[in-house]
C-alpha atoms as a PDB file:
ATOM      1  CA  MET A   1      -0.137   0.020   0.147  1.00  0.00           C
ATOM      2  CA  LYS A   2       1.275   3.373  -0.878  1.00  0.00           C
ATOM      3  CA  ASP A   3       0.194   6.785   0.206  1.00  0.00           C
ATOM      4  CA  THR A   4      -1.190   9.551  -2.066  1.00  0.00           C
ATOM      5  CA  GLU A   5      -0.334  12.857  -2.618  1.00  0.00           C
ATOM      6  CA  ARG A   6      -2.268  13.720   0.718  1.00  0.00           C
ATOM      7  CA  PRO A   7      -0.562  11.682   3.299  1.00  0.00           C
ATOM      8  CA  PHE A   8      -2.996   9.694   5.328  1.00  0.00           C
ATOM      9  CA  GLY A   9      -0.310  10.166   8.247  1.00  0.00           C
ATOM     10  CA  LYS A  10      -0.361   6.433   9.351  1.00  0.00           C
ATOM     11  CA  SER A  11       0.781   3.335   7.466  1.00  0.00           C
ATOM     12  CA  ALA A  12      -1.503   0.277   6.969  1.00  0.00           C
ATOM     13  CA  GLU A  13       0.757  -1.409   9.573  1.00  0.00           C
ATOM     14  CA  GLU A  14       0.406   1.395  12.187  1.00  0.00           C
ATOM     15  CA  ILE A  15      -3.465   1.165  11.740  1.00  0.00           C
ATOM     16  CA  ILE A  16      -3.870  -2.268  12.080  1.00  0.00           C
ATOM     17  CA  GLN A  17      -1.408  -2.357  15.306  1.00  0.00           C
ATOM     18  CA  GLU A  18      -3.846   0.119  16.830  1.00  0.00           C
ATOM     19  CA  ILE A  19      -6.914  -1.829  16.240  1.00  0.00           C
ATOM     20  CA  THR A  20      -5.415  -5.051  17.115  1.00  0.00           C
ATOM     21  CA  ALA A  21      -3.697  -3.976  20.318  1.00  0.00           C
ATOM     22  CA  LYS A  22      -7.369  -3.912  21.808  1.00  0.00           C
ATOM     23  CA  VAL A  23      -7.788  -7.472  21.129  1.00  0.00           C
ATOM     24  CA  GLU A  24      -5.739 -10.865  21.848  1.00  0.00           C
ATOM     25  CA  CYS A  25      -4.837 -12.344  18.508  1.00  0.00           C
ATOM     26  CA  PRO A  26      -1.473 -13.028  16.892  1.00  0.00           C
ATOM     27  CA  VAL A  27      -0.424 -10.161  14.124  1.00  0.00           C
ATOM     28  CA  CYS A  28       2.390 -10.097  11.935  1.00  0.00           C
ATOM     29  CA  PHE A  29       3.815  -8.401   8.998  1.00  0.00           C
ATOM     30  CA  ASN A  30       5.529  -9.215   5.760  1.00  0.00           C
ATOM     31  CA  PHE A  31       4.640 -13.266   6.163  1.00  0.00           C
ATOM     32  CA  PRO A  32       5.745 -14.612   2.962  1.00  0.00           C
ATOM     33  CA  VAL A  33       2.292 -15.813   1.895  1.00  0.00           C
ATOM     34  CA  SER A  34       1.141 -13.137  -0.724  1.00  0.00           C
ATOM     35  CA  HIS A  35       1.404 -12.583  -4.477  1.00  0.00           C
ATOM     36  CA  SER A  36       4.833 -11.174  -4.290  1.00  0.00           C
ATOM     37  CA  LYS A  37       8.468 -12.406  -4.877  1.00  0.00           C
ATOM     38  CA  GLU A  38       8.515 -14.635  -1.859  1.00  0.00           C
ATOM     39  CA  ASN A  39       5.359 -16.670  -1.824  1.00  0.00           C
ATOM     40  CA  VAL A  40       4.668 -19.929   0.180  1.00  0.00           C
ATOM     41  CA  ALA A  41       1.595 -21.758  -1.069  1.00  0.00           C
ATOM     42  CA  LEU A  42      -1.305 -22.454   1.508  1.00  0.00           C
ATOM     43  CA  LYS A  43      -3.431 -25.682   1.149  1.00  0.00           C
ATOM     44  CA  VAL A  44      -7.030 -24.729   0.444  1.00  0.00           C
ATOM     45  CA  GLY A  45      -9.692 -26.288   3.201  1.00  0.00           C
ATOM     46  CA  VAL A  46      -6.642 -26.667   5.731  1.00  0.00           C
ATOM     47  CA  ALA A  47      -7.060 -24.962   9.190  1.00  0.00           C
ATOM     48  CA  TYR A  48      -3.880 -23.182  10.651  1.00  0.00           C
ATOM     49  CA  THR A  49      -2.813 -21.456  13.788  1.00  0.00           C
ATOM     50  CA  LEU A  50      -0.565 -18.520  13.466  1.00  0.00           C
ATOM     51  CA  LYS A  51       1.749 -18.383  16.183  1.00  0.00           C
ATOM     52  CA  VAL A  52       3.739 -14.787  16.762  1.00  0.00           C
ATOM     53  CA  THR A  53       6.534 -14.555  19.574  1.00  0.00           C
ATOM     54  CA  GLY A  54       8.442 -11.404  19.442  1.00  0.00           C
ATOM     55  CA  ASN A  55       9.705 -10.869  15.888  1.00  0.00           C
ATOM     56  CA  LYS A  56       9.225 -14.701  14.834  1.00  0.00           C
ATOM     57  CA  ALA A  57       5.982 -15.902  13.190  1.00  0.00           C
ATOM     58  CA  SER A  58       5.157 -19.377  12.295  1.00  0.00           C
ATOM     59  CA  LEU A  59       1.790 -20.667  10.519  1.00  0.00           C
ATOM     60  CA  VAL A  60       1.153 -24.431  11.972  1.00  0.00           C
ATOM     61  CA  GLU A  61      -1.239 -26.707  10.078  1.00  0.00           C
ATOM     62  CA  LEU A  62      -3.806 -28.310  12.532  1.00  0.00           C
END
């Protein structure tokens, strides 16, 4: 996500961190599951658990 000519004032990550700080759920950024250069495939129909500890994140198949 990129800012426009009129800056919004916060990045998408900052907005997400503010909202999720109020709830107990794992949050991570730059996880390699996307349509970018680094792209780990996920199985369709499979349940996963996202574990975030400090600066480390892992996705565990249930």
